[in-house]
Every structure is written in C-alpha cells, then in structure tokens.
Amino acid sequence: MSLDTAAVAAAVDELARVLRADGGDLVLVEADTRADRVRVRVVLDDVSCDDCVLPPPMLYETIEQSIARRVAGEFELLLEDPRRESLRNA
C-alpha cells in the first residue's frame, strides 16, 4: 500500500479547522509513502486553554479515524502534541 498524500492532507486540514476555531492548529509534518507513516503536529501557541482542546489520546484517535476513512490499508500515525510526549499506534 502507498499513502495517498492528498487524502492525508485533506483529513488533517479538516481537523485543523476545528482546532483553529480554538486558536490551535494541526500541521501535517510528513506523509511518508514508503514507510506508510504519517506525522502530525499539534500547535497550541495561541490557545488560552490547552485543556479545552481534545485530550491527546482522544485527538490521536480522531485523527487516525479521519485518515483511515480516506486511505486504504494500514499506516503508522505519529502525533506530536506539546501537552504530552509523541503518541503512536501500537
């Protein structure tokens, strides 16, 4: 399987709009088609309440599901969230 980078970018952008409403952002750092790996970074620089944004495990799950709806096959998701060490699927 090879990741469809446009589909991954669309999924990340969709969720980024939700975070932007709270002053945060979600950035696609990498969509590695050879390793089937997606790296996403949460940006909370302008968020007044970090706890108002989905908790890291919940956000991870939401991002993973959103990408999985658009991409066939398995992929590894790495989430860089300043509230917690990077999360990845097992």
PDB file of N, CA and C in Angstrom:
ATOM      1  N   MET A   1       0.839  -1.177   0.000  1.00  0.00           N
ATOM      2  CA  MET A   1       0.000   0.000   0.000  1.00  0.00           C
ATOM      3  C   MET A   1       0.884   1.239   0.000  1.00  0.00           C
ATOM      4  N   SER A   2       0.408   2.254  -0.635  1.00  0.00           N
ATOM      5  CA  SER A   2       1.106   3.535  -0.612  1.00  0.00           C
ATOM      6  C   SER A   2       0.109   4.602  -0.199  1.00  0.00           C
ATOM      7  N   LEU A   3       0.531   5.442   0.718  1.00  0.00           N
ATOM      8  CA  LEU A   3      -0.349   6.502   1.204  1.00  0.00           C
ATOM      9  C   LEU A   3      -0.713   7.472   0.087  1.00  0.00           C
ATOM     10  N   ASP A   4      -1.944   7.900   0.082  1.00  0.00           N
ATOM     11  CA  ASP A   4      -2.390   8.960  -0.809  1.00  0.00           C
ATOM     12  C   ASP A   4      -2.178  10.262  -0.040  1.00  0.00           C
ATOM     13  N   THR A   5      -1.107  10.969  -0.365  1.00  0.00           N
ATOM     14  CA  THR A   5      -0.751  12.165   0.410  1.00  0.00           C
ATOM     15  C   THR A   5      -1.821  13.247   0.330  1.00  0.00           C
ATOM     16  N   ALA A   6      -2.516  13.350  -0.791  1.00  0.00           N
ATOM     17  CA  ALA A   6      -3.587  14.344  -0.913  1.00  0.00           C
ATOM     18  C   ALA A   6      -4.742  14.010   0.036  1.00  0.00           C
ATOM     19  N   ALA A   7      -5.061  12.733   0.161  1.00  0.00           N
ATOM     20  CA  ALA A   7      -6.128  12.311   1.067  1.00  0.00           C
ATOM     21  C   ALA A   7      -5.729  12.545   2.522  1.00  0.00           C
ATOM     22  N   VAL A   8      -4.475  12.266   2.846  1.00  0.00           N
ATOM     23  CA  VAL A   8      -3.975  12.505   4.201  1.00  0.00           C
ATOM     24  C   VAL A   8      -4.038  14.002   4.509  1.00  0.00           C
ATOM     25  N   ALA A   9      -3.579  14.824   3.571  1.00  0.00           N
ATOM     26  CA  ALA A   9      -3.587  16.279   3.765  1.00  0.00           C
ATOM     27  C   ALA A   9      -5.015  16.791   3.959  1.00  0.00           C
ATOM     28  N   ALA A  10      -5.966  16.251   3.205  1.00  0.00           N
ATOM     29  CA  ALA A  10      -7.364  16.664   3.339  1.00  0.00           C
ATOM     30  C   ALA A  10      -7.913  16.304   4.718  1.00  0.00           C
ATOM     31  N   ALA A  11      -7.579  15.119   5.211  1.00  0.00           N
ATOM     32  CA  ALA A  11      -8.042  14.691   6.538  1.00  0.00           C
ATOM     33  C   ALA A  11      -7.467  15.588   7.625  1.00  0.00           C
ATOM     34  N   VAL A  12      -6.185  15.887   7.524  1.00  0.00           N
ATOM     35  CA  VAL A  12      -5.529  16.737   8.522  1.00  0.00           C
ATOM     36  C   VAL A  12      -6.110  18.145   8.467  1.00  0.00           C
ATOM     37  N   ASP A  13      -6.328  18.670   7.261  1.00  0.00           N
ATOM     38  CA  ASP A  13      -6.879  20.016   7.121  1.00  0.00           C
ATOM     39  C   ASP A  13      -8.282  20.111   7.708  1.00  0.00           C
ATOM     40  N   GLU A  14      -9.069  19.070   7.504  1.00  0.00           N
ATOM     41  CA  GLU A  14     -10.427  19.057   8.052  1.00  0.00           C
ATOM     42  C   GLU A  14     -10.398  19.204   9.579  1.00  0.00           C
ATOM     43  N   LEU A  15      -9.527  18.459  10.224  1.00  0.00           N
ATOM     44  CA  LEU A  15      -9.423  18.528  11.678  1.00  0.00           C
ATOM     45  C   LEU A  15      -8.735  19.813  12.125  1.00  0.00           C
ATOM     46  N   ALA A  16      -7.822  20.321  11.312  1.00  0.00           N
ATOM     47  CA  ALA A  16      -7.123  21.568  11.652  1.00  0.00           C
ATOM     48  C   ALA A  16      -8.110  22.706  11.780  1.00  0.00           C
ATOM     49  N   ARG A  17      -9.137  22.722  10.928  1.00  0.00           N
ATOM     50  CA  ARG A  17     -10.150  23.783  11.004  1.00  0.00           C
ATOM     51  C   ARG A  17     -10.834  23.803  12.366  1.00  0.00           C
ATOM     52  N   VAL A  18     -11.060  22.636  12.930  1.00  0.00           N
ATOM     53  CA  VAL A  18     -11.686  22.544  14.253  1.00  0.00           C
ATOM     54  C   VAL A  18     -10.755  23.135  15.314  1.00  0.00           C
ATOM     55  N   LEU A  19      -9.477  22.794  15.256  1.00  0.00           N
ATOM     56  CA  LEU A  19      -8.516  23.315  16.226  1.00  0.00           C
ATOM     57  C   LEU A  19      -8.307  24.815  16.061  1.00  0.00           C
ATOM     58  N   ARG A  20      -8.351  25.294  14.815  1.00  0.00           N
ATOM     59  CA  ARG A  20      -8.166  26.729  14.565  1.00  0.00           C
ATOM     60  C   ARG A  20      -9.271  27.544  15.210  1.00  0.00           C
ATOM     61  N   ALA A  21     -10.450  26.970  15.329  1.00  0.00           N
ATOM     62  CA  ALA A  21     -11.565  27.662  15.972  1.00  0.00           C
ATOM     63  C   ALA A  21     -11.249  27.955  17.445  1.00  0.00           C
ATOM     64  N   ASP A  22     -10.387  27.141  18.037  1.00  0.00           N
ATOM     65  CA  ASP A  22      -9.984  27.330  19.439  1.00  0.00           C
ATOM     66  C   ASP A  22      -8.625  28.018  19.553  1.00  0.00           C
ATOM     67  N   GLY A  23      -8.059  28.464  18.422  1.00  0.00           N
ATOM     68  CA  GLY A  23      -6.767  29.148  18.452  1.00  0.00           C
ATOM     69  C   GLY A  23      -5.577  28.235  18.226  1.00  0.00           C
ATOM     70  N   GLY A  24      -5.824  26.958  18.026  1.00  0.00           N
ATOM     71  CA  GLY A  24      -4.745  26.000  17.786  1.00  0.00           C
ATOM     72  C   GLY A  24      -4.603  25.699  16.310  1.00  0.00           C
ATOM     73  N   ASP A  25      -3.825  24.698  16.008  1.00  0.00           N
ATOM     74  CA  ASP A  25      -3.661  24.277  14.621  1.00  0.00           C
ATOM     75  C   ASP A  25      -3.166  22.835  14.598  1.00  0.00           C
ATOM     76  N   LEU A  26      -3.308  22.220  13.451  1.00  0.00           N
ATOM     77  CA  LEU A  26      -2.843  20.863  13.224  1.00  0.00           C
ATOM     78  C   LEU A  26      -2.067  20.907  11.922  1.00  0.00           C
ATOM     79  N   VAL A  27      -0.817  20.458  11.962  1.00  0.00           N
ATOM     80  CA  VAL A  27       0.069  20.577  10.807  1.00  0.00           C
ATOM     81  C   VAL A  27       0.535  19.190  10.371  1.00  0.00           C
ATOM     82  N   LEU A  28       0.398  18.929   9.084  1.00  0.00           N
ATOM     83  CA  LEU A  28       0.934  17.693   8.528  1.00  0.00           C
ATOM     84  C   LEU A  28       2.431  17.881   8.357  1.00  0.00           C
ATOM     85  N   VAL A  29       3.217  17.151   9.128  1.00  0.00           N
ATOM     86  CA  VAL A  29       4.669  17.256   9.091  1.00  0.00           C
ATOM     87  C   VAL A  29       5.226  16.341   8.007  1.00  0.00           C
ATOM     88  N   GLU A  30       4.668  15.129   7.910  1.00  0.00           N
ATOM     89  CA  GLU A  30       5.209  14.139   6.987  1.00  0.00           C
ATOM     90  C   GLU A  30       4.136  13.124   6.625  1.00  0.00           C
ATOM     91  N   ALA A  31       4.097  12.771   5.366  1.00  0.00           N
ATOM     92  CA  ALA A  31       3.304  11.637   4.895  1.00  0.00           C
ATOM     93  C   ALA A  31       4.276  10.791   4.086  1.00  0.00           C
ATOM     94  N   ASP A  32       4.930   9.868   4.756  1.00  0.00           N
ATOM     95  CA  ASP A  32       5.976   9.041   4.151  1.00  0.00           C
ATOM     96  C   ASP A  32       5.321   7.869   3.424  1.00  0.00           C
ATOM     97  N   THR A  33       5.321   7.946   2.101  1.00  0.00           N
ATOM     98  CA  THR A  33       4.652   6.919   1.310  1.00  0.00           C
ATOM     99  C   THR A  33       5.395   5.582   1.323  1.00  0.00           C
ATOM    100  N   ARG A  34       6.710   5.606   1.512  1.00  0.00           N
ATOM    101  CA  ARG A  34       7.473   4.346   1.549  1.00  0.00           C
ATOM    102  C   ARG A  34       7.255   3.599   2.857  1.00  0.00           C
ATOM    103  N   ALA A  35       7.174   4.323   3.958  1.00  0.00           N
ATOM    104  CA  ALA A  35       7.021   3.689   5.268  1.00  0.00           C
ATOM    105  C   ALA A  35       5.558   3.642   5.725  1.00  0.00           C
ATOM    106  N   ASP A  36       4.634   4.205   4.927  1.00  0.00           N
ATOM    107  CA  ASP A  36       3.227   4.292   5.322  1.00  0.00           C
ATOM    108  C   ASP A  36       3.110   4.915   6.708  1.00  0.00           C
ATOM    109  N   ARG A  37       3.778   6.053   6.862  1.00  0.00           N
ATOM    110  CA  ARG A  37       3.806   6.743   8.151  1.00  0.00           C
ATOM    111  C   ARG A  37       3.337   8.186   7.957  1.00  0.00           C
ATOM    112  N   VAL A  38       2.505   8.621   8.907  1.00  0.00           N
ATOM    113  CA  VAL A  38       2.006   9.991   8.908  1.00  0.00           C
ATOM    114  C   VAL A  38       2.429  10.639  10.225  1.00  0.00           C
ATOM    115  N   ARG A  39       3.041  11.817  10.123  1.00  0.00           N
ATOM    116  CA  ARG A  39       3.432  12.570  11.328  1.00  0.00           C
ATOM    117  C   ARG A  39       2.667  13.891  11.319  1.00  0.00           C
ATOM    118  N   VAL A  40       1.972  14.148  12.432  1.00  0.00           N
ATOM    119  CA  VAL A  40       1.153  15.345  12.564  1.00  0.00           C
ATOM    120  C   VAL A  40       1.552  16.067  13.843  1.00  0.00           C
ATOM    121  N   ARG A  41       1.607  17.407  13.775  1.00  0.00           N
ATOM    122  CA  ARG A  41       1.975  18.211  14.946  1.00  0.00           C
ATOM    123  C   ARG A  41       0.799  19.091  15.360  1.00  0.00           C
ATOM    124  N   VAL A  42       0.531  19.096  16.661  1.00  0.00           N
ATOM    125  CA  VAL A  42      -0.476  19.977  17.239  1.00  0.00           C
ATOM    126  C   VAL A  42       0.230  21.268  17.656  1.00  0.00           C
ATOM    127  N   VAL A  43      -0.329  22.400  17.246  1.00  0.00           N
ATOM    128  CA  VAL A  43       0.228  23.705  17.602  1.00  0.00           C
ATOM    129  C   VAL A  43      -0.773  24.399  18.517  1.00  0.00           C
ATOM    130  N   LEU A  44      -0.332  24.737  19.730  1.00  0.00           N
ATOM    131  CA  LEU A  44      -1.228  25.345  20.714  1.00  0.00           C
ATOM    132  C   LEU A  44      -0.729  26.719  21.181  1.00  0.00           C
ATOM    133  N   ASP A  45       0.098  27.374  20.359  1.00  0.00           N
ATOM    134  CA  ASP A  45       0.706  28.645  20.746  1.00  0.00           C
ATOM    135  C   ASP A  45      -0.312  29.718  21.115  1.00  0.00           C
ATOM    136  N   ASP A  46      -1.435  29.785  20.403  1.00  0.00           N
ATOM    137  CA  ASP A  46      -2.417  30.843  20.636  1.00  0.00           C
ATOM    138  C   ASP A  46      -3.665  30.361  21.362  1.00  0.00           C
ATOM    139  N   VAL A  47      -3.573  29.207  21.996  1.00  0.00           N
ATOM    140  CA  VAL A  47      -4.710  28.651  22.732  1.00  0.00           C
ATOM    141  C   VAL A  47      -4.627  29.127  24.177  1.00  0.00           C
ATOM    142  N   SER A  48      -5.727  29.702  24.652  1.00  0.00           N
ATOM    143  CA  SER A  48      -5.724  30.192  26.038  1.00  0.00           C
ATOM    144  C   SER A  48      -6.010  29.072  27.032  1.00  0.00           C
ATOM    145  N   CYS A  49      -6.596  27.988  26.565  1.00  0.00           N
ATOM    146  CA  CYS A  49      -6.951  26.878  27.448  1.00  0.00           C
ATOM    147  C   CYS A  49      -6.578  25.560  26.777  1.00  0.00           C
ATOM    148  N   ASP A  50      -5.383  25.044  27.079  1.00  0.00           N
ATOM    149  CA  ASP A  50      -4.924  23.780  26.484  1.00  0.00           C
ATOM    150  C   ASP A  50      -5.900  22.638  26.741  1.00  0.00           C
ATOM    151  N   ASP A  51      -6.533  22.665  27.922  1.00  0.00           N
ATOM    152  CA  ASP A  51      -7.449  21.591  28.286  1.00  0.00           C
ATOM    153  C   ASP A  51      -8.758  21.661  27.509  1.00  0.00           C
ATOM    154  N   CYS A  52      -9.022  22.778  26.833  1.00  0.00           N
ATOM    155  CA  CYS A  52     -10.246  22.924  26.039  1.00  0.00           C
ATOM    156  C   CYS A  52     -10.141  22.191  24.708  1.00  0.00           C
ATOM    157  N   VAL A  53      -8.918  21.901  24.284  1.00  0.00           N
ATOM    158  CA  VAL A  53      -8.692  21.138  23.055  1.00  0.00           C
ATOM    159  C   VAL A  53      -8.772  19.664  23.428  1.00  0.00           C
ATOM    160  N   LEU A  54      -9.253  18.838  22.501  1.00  0.00           N
ATOM    161  CA  LEU A  54      -9.359  17.403  22.776  1.00  0.00           C
ATOM    162  C   LEU A  54      -8.098  16.883  23.451  1.00  0.00           C
ATOM    163  N   PRO A  55      -8.223  16.051  24.484  1.00  0.00           N
ATOM    164  CA  PRO A  55      -7.050  15.456  25.126  1.00  0.00           C
ATOM    165  C   PRO A  55      -6.240  14.651  24.101  1.00  0.00           C
ATOM    166  N   PRO A  56      -4.916  14.564  24.284  1.00  0.00           N
ATOM    167  CA  PRO A  56      -4.060  13.881  23.304  1.00  0.00           C
ATOM    168  C   PRO A  56      -4.547  12.500  22.851  1.00  0.00           C
ATOM    169  N   PRO A  57      -4.933  11.594  23.755  1.00  0.00           N
ATOM    170  CA  PRO A  57      -5.365  10.271  23.273  1.00  0.00           C
ATOM    171  C   PRO A  57      -6.624  10.351  22.399  1.00  0.00           C
ATOM    172  N   MET A  58      -7.541  11.228  22.779  1.00  0.00           N
ATOM    173  CA  MET A  58      -8.776  11.389  22.017  1.00  0.00           C
ATOM    174  C   MET A  58      -8.497  12.044  20.654  1.00  0.00           C
ATOM    175  N   LEU A  59      -7.611  13.028  20.658  1.00  0.00           N
ATOM    176  CA  LEU A  59      -7.239  13.703  19.424  1.00  0.00           C
ATOM    177  C   LEU A  59      -6.539  12.722  18.485  1.00  0.00           C
ATOM    178  N   TYR A  60      -5.652  11.912  19.036  1.00  0.00           N
ATOM    179  CA  TYR A  60      -4.946  10.884  18.257  1.00  0.00           C
ATOM    180  C   TYR A  60      -5.959   9.980  17.562  1.00  0.00           C
ATOM    181  N   GLU A  61      -6.913   9.492  18.331  1.00  0.00           N
ATOM    182  CA  GLU A  61      -7.921   8.581  17.801  1.00  0.00           C
ATOM    183  C   GLU A  61      -8.750   9.253  16.695  1.00  0.00           C
ATOM    184  N   THR A  62      -9.105  10.506  16.906  1.00  0.00           N
ATOM    185  CA  THR A  62      -9.891  11.252  15.927  1.00  0.00           C
ATOM    186  C   THR A  62      -9.116  11.439  14.633  1.00  0.00           C
ATOM    187  N   ILE A  63      -7.838  11.800  14.734  1.00  0.00           N
ATOM    188  CA  ILE A  63      -7.002  11.977  13.549  1.00  0.00           C
ATOM    189  C   ILE A  63      -6.843  10.647  12.819  1.00  0.00           C
ATOM    190  N   GLU A  64      -6.553   9.592  13.565  1.00  0.00           N
ATOM    191  CA  GLU A  64      -6.362   8.273  12.970  1.00  0.00           C
ATOM    192  C   GLU A  64      -7.616   7.826  12.213  1.00  0.00           C
ATOM    193  N   GLN A  65      -8.782   8.020  12.799  1.00  0.00           N
ATOM    194  CA  GLN A  65     -10.034   7.620  12.158  1.00  0.00           C
ATOM    195  C   GLN A  65     -10.310   8.456  10.911  1.00  0.00           C
ATOM    196  N   SER A  66     -10.021   9.735  10.994  1.00  0.00           N
ATOM    197  CA  SER A  66     -10.251  10.614   9.851  1.00  0.00           C
ATOM    198  C   SER A  66      -9.375  10.220   8.662  1.00  0.00           C
ATOM    199  N   ILE A  67      -8.117   9.909   8.933  1.00  0.00           N
ATOM    200  CA  ILE A  67      -7.216   9.483   7.857  1.00  0.00           C
ATOM    201  C   ILE A  67      -7.641   8.112   7.334  1.00  0.00           C
ATOM    202  N   ALA A  68      -7.993   7.203   8.230  1.00  0.00           N
ATOM    203  CA  ALA A  68      -8.376   5.845   7.835  1.00  0.00           C
ATOM    204  C   ALA A  68      -9.611   5.839   6.932  1.00  0.00           C
ATOM    205  N   ARG A  69     -10.502   6.808   7.104  1.00  0.00           N
ATOM    206  CA  ARG A  69     -11.679   6.895   6.228  1.00  0.00           C
ATOM    207  C   ARG A  69     -11.291   7.239   4.795  1.00  0.00           C
ATOM    208  N   ARG A  70     -10.151   7.874   4.617  1.00  0.00           N
ATOM    209  CA  ARG A  70      -9.743   8.348   3.296  1.00  0.00           C
ATOM    210  C   ARG A  70      -8.629   7.509   2.651  1.00  0.00           C
ATOM    211  N   VAL A  71      -7.930   6.714   3.460  1.00  0.00           N
ATOM    212  CA  VAL A  71      -6.757   5.981   2.975  1.00  0.00           C
ATOM    213  C   VAL A  71      -6.983   4.483   3.172  1.00  0.00           C
ATOM    214  N   ALA A  72      -6.767   3.719   2.118  1.00  0.00           N
ATOM    215  CA  ALA A  72      -6.916   2.270   2.224  1.00  0.00           C
ATOM    216  C   ALA A  72      -5.653   1.669   2.832  1.00  0.00           C
ATOM    217  N   GLY A  73      -5.827   0.671   3.661  1.00  0.00           N
ATOM    218  CA  GLY A  73      -4.680  -0.032   4.232  1.00  0.00           C
ATOM    219  C   GLY A  73      -4.231   0.551   5.553  1.00  0.00           C
ATOM    220  N   GLU A  74      -3.160  -0.040   6.066  1.00  0.00           N
ATOM    221  CA  GLU A  74      -2.638   0.357   7.371  1.00  0.00           C
ATOM    222  C   GLU A  74      -1.584   1.442   7.230  1.00  0.00           C
ATOM    223  N   PHE A  75      -1.462   2.239   8.272  1.00  0.00           N
ATOM    224  CA  PHE A  75      -0.444   3.281   8.326  1.00  0.00           C
ATOM    225  C   PHE A  75      -0.085   3.518   9.781  1.00  0.00           C
ATOM    226  N   GLU A  76       1.068   4.081   9.982  1.00  0.00           N
ATOM    227  CA  GLU A  76       1.512   4.443  11.328  1.00  0.00           C
ATOM    228  C   GLU A  76       1.265   5.929  11.496  1.00  0.00           C
ATOM    229  N   LEU A  77       0.635   6.299  12.608  1.00  0.00           N
ATOM    230  CA  LEU A  77       0.378   7.707  12.907  1.00  0.00           C
ATOM    231  C   LEU A  77       1.239   8.136  14.078  1.00  0.00           C
ATOM    232  N   LEU A  78       1.999   9.195  13.885  1.00  0.00           N
ATOM    233  CA  LEU A  78       2.787   9.793  14.954  1.00  0.00           C
ATOM    234  C   LEU A  78       2.190  11.169  15.220  1.00  0.00           C
ATOM    235  N   LEU A  79       1.824  11.422  16.464  1.00  0.00           N
ATOM    236  CA  LEU A  79       1.217  12.694  16.838  1.00  0.00           C
ATOM    237  C   LEU A  79       2.142  13.424  17.800  1.00  0.00           C
ATOM    238  N   GLU A  80       2.599  14.589  17.368  1.00  0.00           N
ATOM    239  CA  GLU A  80       3.418  15.437  18.225  1.00  0.00           C
ATOM    240  C   GLU A  80       2.484  16.440  18.896  1.00  0.00           C
ATOM    241  N   ASP A  81       2.310  16.292  20.198  1.00  0.00           N
ATOM    242  CA  ASP A  81       1.407  17.150  20.961  1.00  0.00           C
ATOM    243  C   ASP A  81       2.201  17.729  22.127  1.00  0.00           C
ATOM    244  N   PRO A  82       2.290  19.052  22.234  1.00  0.00           N
ATOM    245  CA  PRO A  82       3.098  19.650  23.299  1.00  0.00           C
ATOM    246  C   PRO A  82       2.594  19.336  24.704  1.00  0.00           C
ATOM    247  N   ARG A  83       1.374  18.860  24.816  1.00  0.00           N
ATOM    248  CA  ARG A  83       0.831  18.523  26.137  1.00  0.00           C
ATOM    249  C   ARG A  83       1.279  17.148  26.597  1.00  0.00           C
ATOM    250  N   ARG A  84       1.891  16.381  25.688  1.00  0.00           N
ATOM    251  CA  ARG A  84       2.262  15.012  26.008  1.00  0.00           C
ATOM    252  C   ARG A  84       3.344  14.544  25.052  1.00  0.00           C
ATOM    253  N   GLU A  85       4.113  13.577  25.435  1.00  0.00           N
ATOM    254  CA  GLU A  85       5.101  13.017  24.523  1.00  0.00           C
ATOM    255  C   GLU A  85       4.391  12.480  23.291  1.00  0.00           C
ATOM    256  N   SER A  86       5.134  12.322  22.224  1.00  0.00           N
ATOM    257  CA  SER A  86       4.546  11.840  20.967  1.00  0.00           C
ATOM    258  C   SER A  86       3.796  10.544  21.184  1.00  0.00           C
ATOM    259  N   LEU A  87       2.658  10.444  20.496  1.00  0.00           N
ATOM    260  CA  LEU A  87       1.829   9.247  20.570  1.00  0.00           C
ATOM    261  C   LEU A  87       1.939   8.509  19.252  1.00  0.00           C
ATOM    262  N   ARG A  88       1.855   7.208  19.326  1.00  0.00           N
ATOM    263  CA  ARG A  88       1.844   6.400  18.105  1.00  0.00           C
ATOM    264  C   ARG A  88       0.956   5.208  18.336  1.00  0.00           C
ATOM    265  N   ASN A  89       0.486   4.639  17.216  1.00  0.00           N
ATOM    266  CA  ASN A  89      -0.342   3.445  17.354  1.00  0.00           C
ATOM    267  C   ASN A  89       0.540   2.242  17.631  1.00  0.00           C
ATOM    268  N   ALA A  90      -0.037   1.255  18.276  1.00  0.00           N
ATOM    269  CA  ALA A  90       0.740   0.066  18.643  1.00  0.00           C
ATOM    270  C   ALA A  90       0.638  -0.990  17.586  1.00  0.00           C
TER     271      ALA A  90
END
